[in-house]
Amino acid sequence: MKNYILSIMAFVCVVGIFLFAVNSISQRATDEGAEALQQAIQRASVQCYAIEGRYPASVDYLVENYGIQIDNKKYAVFYEGFASNVMPDITVSKI
């Protein structure tokens, strides 16, 4: 009986460690995805400025015309443009 209980406890510990590792990897992937999205929006904004001579007024313009894809269920994008010739402030955060 004692060996049976030890086996169950060992199994529970292994499953707990596995779940912790999966959660940690998932969280890290989400963080890296937010950073990658922010960099992609910045690159598309600079590309828009180089091609059109102005920064886009909103991130929706980048989605429609420059192929930016945003997963609105995972990320919130804050895009604040001061003027058409000033680089906008871009912040991407996890939801």
Protein backbone atom coordinates (compact mmCIF):
# COMPACT_ATOMS: atom_id res chain seq x y z
CA MET A 1 0.00 0.00 0.00
CA LYS A 2 2.87 2.35 0.85
CA ASN A 3 4.46 1.91 -2.60
CA TYR A 4 1.10 2.57 -4.24
CA ILE A 5 0.72 5.91 -2.43
CA LEU A 6 4.32 6.90 -3.26
CA SER A 7 3.69 6.12 -6.93
CA ILE A 8 0.55 8.25 -6.97
CA MET A 9 2.35 11.14 -5.25
CA ALA A 10 5.24 10.92 -7.74
CA PHE A 11 2.78 10.92 -10.64
CA VAL A 12 0.95 13.97 -9.26
CA CYS A 13 4.28 15.80 -8.86
CA VAL A 14 5.31 15.01 -12.43
CA VAL A 15 1.95 16.18 -13.78
CA GLY A 16 2.20 19.38 -11.71
CA ILE A 17 5.68 20.14 -13.03
CA PHE A 18 4.51 19.45 -16.59
CA LEU A 19 1.53 21.79 -16.26
CA PHE A 20 3.73 24.51 -14.76
CA ALA A 21 6.19 24.18 -17.66
CA VAL A 22 3.44 24.31 -20.28
CA ASN A 23 1.94 27.41 -18.66
CA SER A 24 5.34 29.09 -18.49
CA ILE A 25 6.08 28.38 -22.15
CA SER A 26 2.64 29.62 -23.19
CA GLN A 27 3.09 32.85 -21.24
CA ARG A 28 6.51 33.41 -22.78
CA ALA A 29 5.15 32.84 -26.30
CA THR A 30 2.38 35.38 -25.68
CA ASP A 31 4.91 37.94 -24.43
CA GLU A 32 7.14 37.41 -27.45
CA GLY A 33 4.11 37.64 -29.75
CA ALA A 34 3.22 41.06 -28.31
CA GLU A 35 6.78 42.27 -28.89
CA ALA A 36 6.81 40.92 -32.45
CA LEU A 37 3.46 42.57 -33.19
CA GLN A 38 4.69 45.92 -31.88
CA GLN A 39 7.81 45.71 -34.05
CA ALA A 40 5.74 44.75 -37.10
CA ILE A 41 3.43 47.75 -36.60
CA GLN A 42 6.43 50.05 -36.22
CA ARG A 43 8.03 48.69 -39.40
CA ALA A 44 4.77 49.06 -41.32
CA SER A 45 4.39 52.64 -40.04
CA VAL A 46 7.89 53.53 -41.22
CA GLN A 47 7.24 51.81 -44.54
CA CYS A 48 4.03 53.82 -44.94
CA TYR A 49 5.96 57.02 -44.19
CA ALA A 50 8.62 56.12 -46.75
CA ILE A 51 6.08 55.30 -49.46
CA GLU A 52 3.32 57.83 -48.80
CA GLY A 53 5.21 60.63 -47.03
CA ARG A 54 3.10 60.43 -43.86
CA TYR A 55 2.53 58.12 -40.95
CA PRO A 56 -0.85 56.37 -40.93
CA ALA A 57 -3.61 57.93 -38.85
CA SER A 58 -4.60 54.61 -37.27
CA VAL A 59 -3.54 51.01 -37.00
CA ASP A 60 -6.62 50.07 -39.05
CA TYR A 61 -4.96 51.70 -42.07
CA LEU A 62 -1.98 49.40 -41.60
CA VAL A 63 -4.26 46.38 -41.31
CA GLU A 64 -6.08 47.27 -44.53
CA ASN A 65 -3.11 48.37 -46.64
CA TYR A 66 0.09 46.88 -45.23
CA GLY A 67 -0.88 43.35 -44.22
CA ILE A 68 -0.68 43.74 -40.45
CA GLN A 69 -2.68 41.02 -38.68
CA ILE A 70 -3.80 41.57 -35.09
CA ASP A 71 -5.33 38.88 -32.88
CA ASN A 72 -7.77 41.09 -30.96
CA LYS A 73 -8.50 38.25 -28.55
CA LYS A 74 -4.87 38.18 -27.35
CA TYR A 75 -3.55 41.71 -27.80
CA ALA A 76 -4.68 45.29 -27.35
CA VAL A 77 -2.98 47.82 -29.62
CA PHE A 78 -2.72 51.46 -28.61
CA TYR A 79 -1.69 53.66 -31.52
CA GLU A 80 -1.39 57.38 -30.90
CA GLY A 81 -0.34 59.61 -33.76
CA PHE A 82 0.47 63.23 -32.96
CA ALA A 83 0.97 64.47 -36.50
CA SER A 84 1.39 62.88 -39.90
CA ASN A 85 5.14 63.59 -39.88
CA VAL A 86 5.86 62.36 -36.31
CA MET A 87 6.34 58.67 -35.51
CA PRO A 88 3.25 57.48 -33.60
CA ASP A 89 3.45 56.02 -30.11
CA ILE A 90 2.69 52.30 -30.42
CA THR A 91 1.98 50.04 -27.46
CA VAL A 92 0.89 46.42 -27.63
CA SER A 93 -0.27 44.70 -24.47
CA LYS A 94 -1.67 41.28 -23.66
CA ILE A 95 -5.34 40.96 -22.84
